[in-house]
């Protein structure tokens, strides 16, 4: 239910359909997978092992942003 509310807040459409929610959830899952995969690559480059730390995730996000794989924000930020 939370994903429906978040989608409604982002799009401004009060009634979001179930297929639309499923598609957006799938895209979010793919994005998270891409960030985690890139974070693992960052860890290999740094010759580090163990759990992924926030610094690895930030660096992975930066890499994806430089590659143009991150959407640019068009509106205001939701969370600060």
C-alpha atoms as a PDB file:
ATOM      1  CA  UNK A   1       0.000   0.000   0.000  1.00  0.00           C
ATOM      2  CA  UNK A   2       2.885   2.376   0.678  1.00  0.00           C
ATOM      3  CA  UNK A   3       4.121   2.148  -2.913  1.00  0.00           C
ATOM      4  CA  UNK A   4       0.688   3.215  -4.176  1.00  0.00           C
ATOM      5  CA  UNK A   5       0.738   6.264  -1.916  1.00  0.00           C
ATOM      6  CA  UNK A   6       4.289   7.170  -2.929  1.00  0.00           C
ATOM      7  CA  UNK A   7       3.400   6.816  -6.607  1.00  0.00           C
ATOM      8  CA  UNK A   8       0.321   8.995  -6.102  1.00  0.00           C
ATOM      9  CA  UNK A   9       2.457  11.668  -4.421  1.00  0.00           C
ATOM     10  CA  UNK A  10       5.066  11.611  -7.192  1.00  0.00           C
ATOM     11  CA  UNK A  11       2.709  11.619 -10.161  1.00  0.00           C
ATOM     12  CA  UNK A  12      -0.027  13.772  -8.644  1.00  0.00           C
ATOM     13  CA  UNK A  13      -2.631  11.231  -9.755  1.00  0.00           C
ATOM     14  CA  UNK A  14      -4.826  10.163  -6.849  1.00  0.00           C
ATOM     15  CA  UNK A  15      -5.989   6.861  -8.331  1.00  0.00           C
ATOM     16  CA  UNK A  16      -3.102   4.755  -9.555  1.00  0.00           C
ATOM     17  CA  UNK A  17      -3.812   1.429 -11.174  1.00  0.00           C
ATOM     18  CA  UNK A  18      -2.373  -1.850  -9.952  1.00  0.00           C
ATOM     19  CA  UNK A  19      -0.435  -2.477 -13.202  1.00  0.00           C
ATOM     20  CA  UNK A  20       1.132   0.973 -12.951  1.00  0.00           C
ATOM     21  CA  UNK A  21       2.219   0.240  -9.372  1.00  0.00           C
ATOM     22  CA  UNK A  22       3.697  -3.107 -10.426  1.00  0.00           C
ATOM     23  CA  UNK A  23       5.661  -1.518 -13.274  1.00  0.00           C
ATOM     24  CA  UNK A  24       7.085   1.250 -11.083  1.00  0.00           C
ATOM     25  CA  UNK A  25       7.970  -1.285  -8.360  1.00  0.00           C
ATOM     26  CA  UNK A  26       9.766  -3.406 -10.965  1.00  0.00           C
ATOM     27  CA  UNK A  27      11.743  -0.443 -12.253  1.00  0.00           C
ATOM     28  CA  UNK A  28      12.731   0.486  -8.698  1.00  0.00           C
ATOM     29  CA  UNK A  29      13.858  -3.090  -8.051  1.00  0.00           C
ATOM     30  CA  UNK A  30      16.010  -3.060 -11.195  1.00  0.00           C
ATOM     31  CA  UNK A  31      17.569   0.254 -10.171  1.00  0.00           C
ATOM     32  CA  UNK A  32      18.417  -1.020  -6.679  1.00  0.00           C
ATOM     33  CA  UNK A  33      19.949  -4.144  -8.228  1.00  0.00           C
ATOM     34  CA  UNK A  34      22.066  -2.006 -10.540  1.00  0.00           C
ATOM     35  CA  UNK A  35      23.288   0.134  -7.631  1.00  0.00           C
ATOM     36  CA  UNK A  36      24.175  -2.941  -5.539  1.00  0.00           C
ATOM     37  CA  UNK A  37      25.956  -4.588  -8.480  1.00  0.00           C
ATOM     38  CA  UNK A  38      27.954  -1.426  -9.123  1.00  0.00           C
ATOM     39  CA  UNK A  39      28.756  -1.138  -5.401  1.00  0.00           C
ATOM     40  CA  UNK A  40      30.231  -4.650  -5.512  1.00  0.00           C
ATOM     41  CA  UNK A  41      32.393  -3.586  -8.466  1.00  0.00           C
ATOM     42  CA  UNK A  42      33.539  -0.539  -6.478  1.00  0.00           C
ATOM     43  CA  UNK A  43      34.488  -2.853  -3.612  1.00  0.00           C
ATOM     44  CA  UNK A  44      36.521  -5.058  -5.977  1.00  0.00           C
ATOM     45  CA  UNK A  45      38.328  -2.021  -7.393  1.00  0.00           C
ATOM     46  CA  UNK A  46      39.242  -0.946  -3.863  1.00  0.00           C
ATOM     47  CA  UNK A  47      40.211  -4.523  -2.929  1.00  0.00           C
ATOM     48  CA  UNK A  48      37.717  -4.532  -0.054  1.00  0.00           C
ATOM     49  CA  UNK A  49      35.485  -7.351   1.127  1.00  0.00           C
ATOM     50  CA  UNK A  50      32.612  -7.832   3.533  1.00  0.00           C
ATOM     51  CA  UNK A  51      29.254  -6.084   3.560  1.00  0.00           C
ATOM     52  CA  UNK A  52      28.434  -3.160   1.301  1.00  0.00           C
ATOM     53  CA  UNK A  53      28.871   0.101   3.201  1.00  0.00           C
ATOM     54  CA  UNK A  54      27.197   3.454   2.521  1.00  0.00           C
ATOM     55  CA  UNK A  55      30.406   4.801   0.963  1.00  0.00           C
ATOM     56  CA  UNK A  56      30.232   2.004  -1.641  1.00  0.00           C
ATOM     57  CA  UNK A  57      26.607   2.828  -2.428  1.00  0.00           C
ATOM     58  CA  UNK A  58      27.371   6.536  -2.805  1.00  0.00           C
ATOM     59  CA  UNK A  59      30.278   5.793  -5.130  1.00  0.00           C
ATOM     60  CA  UNK A  60      28.122   3.364  -7.133  1.00  0.00           C
ATOM     61  CA  UNK A  61      25.413   6.006  -7.491  1.00  0.00           C
ATOM     62  CA  UNK A  62      28.042   8.514  -8.634  1.00  0.00           C
ATOM     63  CA  UNK A  63      29.302   6.028 -11.250  1.00  0.00           C
ATOM     64  CA  UNK A  64      25.779   5.407 -12.538  1.00  0.00           C
ATOM     65  CA  UNK A  65      25.113   9.139 -12.665  1.00  0.00           C
ATOM     66  CA  UNK A  66      28.258   9.712 -14.740  1.00  0.00           C
ATOM     67  CA  UNK A  67      27.177   6.913 -17.112  1.00  0.00           C
ATOM     68  CA  UNK A  68      23.774   8.582 -17.564  1.00  0.00           C
ATOM     69  CA  UNK A  69      21.843   5.722 -15.981  1.00  0.00           C
ATOM     70  CA  UNK A  70      20.188   7.917 -13.344  1.00  0.00           C
ATOM     71  CA  UNK A  71      17.179  10.047 -14.166  1.00  0.00           C
ATOM     72  CA  UNK A  72      17.496  13.736 -13.537  1.00  0.00           C
ATOM     73  CA  UNK A  73      15.057  15.230 -11.069  1.00  0.00           C
ATOM     74  CA  UNK A  74      12.455  17.463 -12.625  1.00  0.00           C
ATOM     75  CA  UNK A  75      10.579  18.483  -9.496  1.00  0.00           C
ATOM     76  CA  UNK A  76      11.342  19.212  -5.900  1.00  0.00           C
ATOM     77  CA  UNK A  77      12.872  16.666  -3.537  1.00  0.00           C
ATOM     78  CA  UNK A  78      10.570  14.470  -1.471  1.00  0.00           C
ATOM     79  CA  UNK A  79      12.925  13.892   1.451  1.00  0.00           C
ATOM     80  CA  UNK A  80      15.783  15.941   2.830  1.00  0.00           C
END
